[in-house]
Amino acid sequence: MSLTSILSAEAIENAVKDCEAPESFCHKKFFQLCGLSSKTPKEVRDVFQILDEDNSGFIEESELKFFLQRFVPGARTLSDAETKKFVSSADENSDGRIGADEFQTMVLS
């Protein structure tokens, strides 16, 4: 399964372009622009599975740093500040990583 089987390539490209500038990444805006926030809970979980590169059941900071590159190869990496803000916005149990339920809640809220 690929991200473009769930989201349109054009929407993904627009979302990544919107946050090209350093320190400009906003997860809520990104999820809206790429269309993820309007997908079903199952589709959001499918995207989570794709983003969870090591299949640990969690998206860790090391994976989030390359979040945009999972959508568009060659996109910029997220800064440490952007990565920490991203994790803290979803990490309900303060374990330093994002689980599938936390990801789904963040995307669909």
C-alpha atoms as a PDB file:
ATOM      1  CA  MET A   1       0.000   0.000   0.000  1.00  0.00           C
ATOM      2  CA  SER A   2       1.215   3.511  -0.774  1.00  0.00           C
ATOM      3  CA  LEU A   3       0.186   6.963   0.393  1.00  0.00           C
ATOM      4  CA  THR A   4      -1.087   7.784  -3.107  1.00  0.00           C
ATOM      5  CA  SER A   5      -3.536   4.874  -2.875  1.00  0.00           C
ATOM      6  CA  ILE A   6      -5.208   6.817  -0.027  1.00  0.00           C
ATOM      7  CA  LEU A   7      -4.403  10.474  -0.810  1.00  0.00           C
ATOM      8  CA  SER A   8      -4.147  12.258  -4.147  1.00  0.00           C
ATOM      9  CA  ALA A   9      -0.611  12.921  -5.384  1.00  0.00           C
ATOM     10  CA  GLU A  10      -1.586  16.518  -6.149  1.00  0.00           C
ATOM     11  CA  ALA A  11      -2.903  17.129  -2.629  1.00  0.00           C
ATOM     12  CA  ILE A  12       0.247  15.582  -1.118  1.00  0.00           C
ATOM     13  CA  GLU A  13       2.458  17.796  -3.262  1.00  0.00           C
ATOM     14  CA  ASN A  14       0.494  20.934  -2.292  1.00  0.00           C
ATOM     15  CA  ALA A  15       0.708  20.059   1.408  1.00  0.00           C
ATOM     16  CA  VAL A  16       4.474  19.503   1.252  1.00  0.00           C
ATOM     17  CA  LYS A  17       5.001  22.702  -0.770  1.00  0.00           C
ATOM     18  CA  ASP A  18       3.073  24.668   1.869  1.00  0.00           C
ATOM     19  CA  CYS A  19       5.679  23.823   4.507  1.00  0.00           C
ATOM     20  CA  GLU A  20       8.881  24.054   2.449  1.00  0.00           C
ATOM     21  CA  ALA A  21      10.222  26.960   4.486  1.00  0.00           C
ATOM     22  CA  PRO A  22      12.134  26.027   7.658  1.00  0.00           C
ATOM     23  CA  GLU A  23      10.001  26.061  10.825  1.00  0.00           C
ATOM     24  CA  SER A  24       6.767  26.357   8.794  1.00  0.00           C
ATOM     25  CA  PHE A  25       5.349  22.855   9.406  1.00  0.00           C
ATOM     26  CA  CYS A  26       1.912  22.782  11.037  1.00  0.00           C
ATOM     27  CA  HIS A  27       0.491  19.267  11.346  1.00  0.00           C
ATOM     28  CA  LYS A  28      -3.161  20.397  11.370  1.00  0.00           C
ATOM     29  CA  LYS A  29      -2.753  22.412   8.171  1.00  0.00           C
ATOM     30  CA  PHE A  30      -0.721  19.617   6.572  1.00  0.00           C
ATOM     31  CA  PHE A  31      -3.407  17.005   7.339  1.00  0.00           C
ATOM     32  CA  GLN A  32      -6.095  19.280   5.873  1.00  0.00           C
ATOM     33  CA  LEU A  33      -4.155  20.163   2.721  1.00  0.00           C
ATOM     34  CA  CYS A  34      -3.199  16.573   1.915  1.00  0.00           C
ATOM     35  CA  GLY A  35      -6.773  15.419   2.602  1.00  0.00           C
ATOM     36  CA  LEU A  36      -5.944  13.074   5.470  1.00  0.00           C
ATOM     37  CA  SER A  37      -8.205  14.846   7.975  1.00  0.00           C
ATOM     38  CA  SER A  38     -11.238  14.004   5.828  1.00  0.00           C
ATOM     39  CA  LYS A  39     -10.451  10.285   5.516  1.00  0.00           C
ATOM     40  CA  THR A  40     -12.057   7.416   7.424  1.00  0.00           C
ATOM     41  CA  PRO A  41     -10.515   6.119  10.652  1.00  0.00           C
ATOM     42  CA  LYS A  42      -9.385   2.988   8.753  1.00  0.00           C
ATOM     43  CA  GLU A  43      -7.655   5.079   6.074  1.00  0.00           C
ATOM     44  CA  VAL A  44      -5.925   7.136   8.781  1.00  0.00           C
ATOM     45  CA  ARG A  45      -4.699   3.900  10.395  1.00  0.00           C
ATOM     46  CA  ASP A  46      -3.451   2.709   6.997  1.00  0.00           C
ATOM     47  CA  VAL A  47      -1.423   5.918   6.672  1.00  0.00           C
ATOM     48  CA  PHE A  48      -0.084   5.367  10.196  1.00  0.00           C
ATOM     49  CA  GLN A  49       1.115   1.893   9.167  1.00  0.00           C
ATOM     50  CA  ILE A  50       2.980   3.408   6.201  1.00  0.00           C
ATOM     51  CA  LEU A  51       4.596   6.090   8.386  1.00  0.00           C
ATOM     52  CA  ASP A  52       5.622   3.558  11.067  1.00  0.00           C
ATOM     53  CA  GLU A  53       8.747   2.502   9.163  1.00  0.00           C
ATOM     54  CA  ASP A  54      10.046   0.029  11.744  1.00  0.00           C
ATOM     55  CA  ASN A  55       6.593  -1.506  12.354  1.00  0.00           C
ATOM     56  CA  SER A  56       6.931  -0.910  16.097  1.00  0.00           C
ATOM     57  CA  GLY A  57       3.330   0.247  16.448  1.00  0.00           C
ATOM     58  CA  PHE A  58       4.592   3.759  17.174  1.00  0.00           C
ATOM     59  CA  ILE A  59       5.952   6.714  15.256  1.00  0.00           C
ATOM     60  CA  GLU A  60       9.042   7.880  17.120  1.00  0.00           C
ATOM     61  CA  GLU A  61      10.819  11.249  16.848  1.00  0.00           C
ATOM     62  CA  SER A  62      13.451   9.684  14.568  1.00  0.00           C
ATOM     63  CA  GLU A  63      10.695   8.698  12.104  1.00  0.00           C
ATOM     64  CA  LEU A  64       8.891  12.052  12.412  1.00  0.00           C
ATOM     65  CA  LYS A  65      12.038  13.957  11.455  1.00  0.00           C
ATOM     66  CA  PHE A  66      11.630  12.435   7.965  1.00  0.00           C
ATOM     67  CA  PHE A  67       7.819  12.738   7.962  1.00  0.00           C
ATOM     68  CA  LEU A  68       7.610  14.948   4.845  1.00  0.00           C
ATOM     69  CA  GLN A  69       9.997  12.678   2.940  1.00  0.00           C
ATOM     70  CA  ARG A  70       7.578   9.778   3.440  1.00  0.00           C
ATOM     71  CA  PHE A  71       5.094  11.822   1.390  1.00  0.00           C
ATOM     72  CA  VAL A  72       7.506  13.296  -1.191  1.00  0.00           C
ATOM     73  CA  PRO A  73      11.044  11.926  -1.574  1.00  0.00           C
ATOM     74  CA  GLY A  74      13.490  14.815  -1.425  1.00  0.00           C
ATOM     75  CA  ALA A  75      11.282  16.972   0.818  1.00  0.00           C
ATOM     76  CA  ARG A  76      12.994  18.707   3.717  1.00  0.00           C
ATOM     77  CA  THR A  77      13.435  17.108   7.109  1.00  0.00           C
ATOM     78  CA  LEU A  78      11.583  18.563  10.066  1.00  0.00           C
ATOM     79  CA  SER A  79      13.657  20.547  12.552  1.00  0.00           C
ATOM     80  CA  ASP A  80      14.134  19.278  16.096  1.00  0.00           C
ATOM     81  CA  ALA A  81      11.697  21.939  17.325  1.00  0.00           C
ATOM     82  CA  GLU A  82       9.056  20.962  14.741  1.00  0.00           C
ATOM     83  CA  THR A  83       9.514  17.278  15.568  1.00  0.00           C
ATOM     84  CA  LYS A  84       9.165  17.831  19.323  1.00  0.00           C
ATOM     85  CA  LYS A  85       6.064  20.011  18.823  1.00  0.00           C
ATOM     86  CA  PHE A  86       4.563  17.338  16.514  1.00  0.00           C
ATOM     87  CA  VAL A  87       5.128  14.574  19.087  1.00  0.00           C
ATOM     88  CA  SER A  88       3.828  16.616  22.017  1.00  0.00           C
ATOM     89  CA  SER A  89       0.653  17.541  20.127  1.00  0.00           C
ATOM     90  CA  ALA A  90      -0.346  13.879  19.870  1.00  0.00           C
ATOM     91  CA  ASP A  91       1.462  12.116  22.724  1.00  0.00           C
ATOM     92  CA  GLU A  92      -1.398  11.761  25.190  1.00  0.00           C
ATOM     93  CA  ASN A  93       0.432   9.369  27.545  1.00  0.00           C
ATOM     94  CA  SER A  94       3.783  11.250  27.472  1.00  0.00           C
ATOM     95  CA  ASP A  95       5.863   8.275  26.351  1.00  0.00           C
ATOM     96  CA  GLY A  96       7.687  10.316  23.699  1.00  0.00           C
ATOM     97  CA  ARG A  97       6.121   8.613  20.696  1.00  0.00           C
ATOM     98  CA  ILE A  98       2.837   8.522  18.801  1.00  0.00           C
ATOM     99  CA  GLY A  99       0.723   5.378  18.844  1.00  0.00           C
ATOM    100  CA  ALA A 100      -1.940   4.504  16.264  1.00  0.00           C
ATOM    101  CA  ASP A 101      -4.819   5.716  18.469  1.00  0.00           C
ATOM    102  CA  GLU A 102      -2.994   8.965  19.272  1.00  0.00           C
ATOM    103  CA  PHE A 103      -2.277   9.523  15.579  1.00  0.00           C
ATOM    104  CA  GLN A 104      -5.899   8.906  14.633  1.00  0.00           C
ATOM    105  CA  THR A 105      -7.143  11.295  17.350  1.00  0.00           C
ATOM    106  CA  MET A 106      -4.675  13.992  16.230  1.00  0.00           C
ATOM    107  CA  VAL A 107      -5.578  13.686  12.538  1.00  0.00           C
ATOM    108  CA  LEU A 108      -9.348  13.516  12.952  1.00  0.00           C
ATOM    109  CA  SER A 109      -9.776  16.161  15.679  1.00  0.00           C
END
